[in-house]
C-alpha atoms as a PDB file:
ATOM      1  CA  MET A   1     -27.221 -17.369 -25.434  1.00  0.00           C
ATOM      2  CA  LYS A   2     -25.690 -20.950 -25.085  1.00  0.00           C
ATOM      3  CA  VAL A   3     -28.139 -24.078 -25.488  1.00  0.00           C
ATOM      4  CA  VAL A   4     -26.831 -27.178 -24.491  1.00  0.00           C
ATOM      5  CA  ASN A   5     -28.810 -30.400 -23.115  1.00  0.00           C
ATOM      6  CA  VAL A   6     -28.818 -31.660 -19.847  1.00  0.00           C
ATOM      7  CA  HIS A   7     -25.988 -34.472 -20.555  1.00  0.00           C
ATOM      8  CA  GLN A   8     -22.968 -31.636 -21.205  1.00  0.00           C
ATOM      9  CA  ALA A   9     -25.113 -29.320 -19.108  1.00  0.00           C
ATOM     10  CA  LYS A  10     -23.775 -32.197 -16.483  1.00  0.00           C
ATOM     11  CA  THR A  11     -20.917 -33.111 -17.834  1.00  0.00           C
ATOM     12  CA  GLU A  12     -19.850 -29.481 -18.386  1.00  0.00           C
ATOM     13  CA  LEU A  13     -21.075 -27.574 -15.471  1.00  0.00           C
ATOM     14  CA  SER A  14     -18.098 -25.642 -14.307  1.00  0.00           C
ATOM     15  CA  LYS A  15     -17.470 -24.279 -17.982  1.00  0.00           C
ATOM     16  CA  LEU A  16     -20.923 -23.380 -17.812  1.00  0.00           C
ATOM     17  CA  LEU A  17     -21.666 -21.612 -15.033  1.00  0.00           C
ATOM     18  CA  GLU A  18     -18.037 -19.173 -15.341  1.00  0.00           C
ATOM     19  CA  ARG A  19     -20.343 -18.421 -18.963  1.00  0.00           C
ATOM     20  CA  ALA A  20     -22.853 -17.657 -16.844  1.00  0.00           C
ATOM     21  CA  GLU A  21     -20.751 -15.573 -14.567  1.00  0.00           C
ATOM     22  CA  ALA A  22     -19.803 -13.993 -16.614  1.00  0.00           C
ATOM     23  CA  GLY A  23     -22.814 -12.828 -18.514  1.00  0.00           C
ATOM     24  CA  GLU A  24     -23.787 -14.407 -21.630  1.00  0.00           C
ATOM     25  CA  ASP A  25     -27.405 -16.841 -21.200  1.00  0.00           C
ATOM     26  CA  VAL A  26     -27.168 -20.142 -20.631  1.00  0.00           C
ATOM     27  CA  VAL A  27     -30.413 -22.379 -21.211  1.00  0.00           C
ATOM     28  CA  ILE A  28     -30.798 -25.642 -20.601  1.00  0.00           C
ATOM     29  CA  ALA A  29     -32.913 -27.904 -22.805  1.00  0.00           C
ATOM     30  CA  ARG A  30     -34.350 -31.676 -21.871  1.00  0.00           C
ATOM     31  CA  ALA A  31     -34.794 -32.868 -25.835  1.00  0.00           C
ATOM     32  CA  GLY A  32     -33.969 -29.671 -27.523  1.00  0.00           C
ATOM     33  CA  THR A  33     -37.146 -27.835 -25.349  1.00  0.00           C
ATOM     34  CA  PRO A  34     -35.838 -24.784 -22.808  1.00  0.00           C
ATOM     35  CA  VAL A  35     -36.020 -26.161 -19.187  1.00  0.00           C
ATOM     36  CA  ALA A  36     -33.537 -23.778 -17.018  1.00  0.00           C
ATOM     37  CA  ARG A  37     -32.181 -20.917 -17.939  1.00  0.00           C
ATOM     38  CA  LEU A  38     -28.544 -20.381 -15.300  1.00  0.00           C
ATOM     39  CA  VAL A  39     -27.721 -16.897 -14.815  1.00  0.00           C
ATOM     40  CA  PRO A  40     -25.574 -15.086 -12.210  1.00  0.00           C
ATOM     41  CA  VAL A  41     -26.358 -14.177  -8.162  1.00  0.00           C
ATOM     42  CA  ARG A  42     -26.011 -10.294  -7.958  1.00  0.00           C
ATOM     43  CA  ALA A  43     -26.005  -9.774  -4.605  1.00  0.00           C
ATOM     44  CA  GLY A  44     -27.746  -6.167  -3.381  1.00  0.00           C
ATOM     45  CA  GLN A  45     -25.859  -2.601  -2.499  1.00  0.00           C
ATOM     46  CA  ARG A  46     -25.168  -3.129   1.096  1.00  0.00           C
ATOM     47  CA  ARG A  47     -24.841   0.793   2.524  1.00  0.00           C
ATOM     48  CA  PRO A  48     -24.666   1.173   6.021  1.00  0.00           C
ATOM     49  CA  GLY A  49     -27.061   3.856   8.111  1.00  0.00           C
ATOM     50  CA  ARG A  50     -29.588   3.795   4.996  1.00  0.00           C
ATOM     51  CA  LEU A  51     -32.049   3.886   6.976  1.00  0.00           C
ATOM     52  CA  LYS A  52     -30.535   6.526   9.297  1.00  0.00           C
ATOM     53  CA  GLY A  53     -33.387   9.280  10.752  1.00  0.00           C
ATOM     54  CA  LYS A  54     -35.886   6.514   9.665  1.00  0.00           C
ATOM     55  CA  VAL A  55     -36.163   4.314  12.074  1.00  0.00           C
ATOM     56  CA  ARG A  56     -37.724   5.106  15.057  1.00  0.00           C
ATOM     57  CA  MET A  57     -37.530   3.508  18.329  1.00  0.00           C
ATOM     58  CA  SER A  58     -40.451   4.930  21.380  1.00  0.00           C
ATOM     59  CA  GLU A  59     -38.880   5.476  25.036  1.00  0.00           C
ATOM     60  CA  ASP A  60     -40.551   1.877  26.255  1.00  0.00           C
ATOM     61  CA  PHE A  61     -39.480  -0.507  24.021  1.00  0.00           C
ATOM     62  CA  ASP A  62     -37.909  -2.340  26.850  1.00  0.00           C
ATOM     63  CA  ALA A  63     -40.034  -1.987  29.243  1.00  0.00           C
ATOM     64  CA  PRO A  64     -42.230  -4.614  31.265  1.00  0.00           C
ATOM     65  CA  LEU A  65     -45.222  -5.797  29.455  1.00  0.00           C
ATOM     66  CA  PRO A  66     -48.275  -5.304  31.220  1.00  0.00           C
ATOM     67  CA  GLY A  67     -50.078  -8.536  33.802  1.00  0.00           C
ATOM     68  CA  GLU A  68     -52.532  -9.334  31.094  1.00  0.00           C
ATOM     69  CA  MET A  69     -49.378  -9.455  28.367  1.00  0.00           C
ATOM     70  CA  ARG A  70     -46.909 -11.366  29.647  1.00  0.00           C
ATOM     71  CA  ARG A  71     -49.927 -14.350  31.513  1.00  0.00           C
ATOM     72  CA  ALA A  72     -50.149 -14.766  27.617  1.00  0.00           C
ATOM     73  CA  PHE A  73     -47.361 -15.334  26.414  1.00  0.00           C
ATOM     74  CA  GLY A  74     -47.845 -17.429  29.820  1.00  0.00           C
ATOM     75  CA  GLU A  75     -45.726 -15.563  31.801  1.00  0.00           C
ATOM     76  CA  SER A  76     -45.815 -15.425  35.770  1.00  0.00           C
ATOM     77  CA  ASP A  77     -47.383 -11.696  37.407  1.00  0.00           C
ATOM     78  CA  ARG A  78     -44.167 -10.638  38.672  1.00  0.00           C
END
């Protein structure tokens, strides 16, 4: 684990980001007290179609709303 002070972190931010991306723990300290930790952002694995068969819509999901509900949203009756 690499510990650096705030001044050094500001000066060497690009290098510290590279180290964090490589998996190294980088801790930023103020007056010797750890205050932050640099960690890489790991994007979640996307897999198209993983919800196939789990999501269902009713046949009338896009049917016009009843008059009472349209009025509640400020629309006039048609």
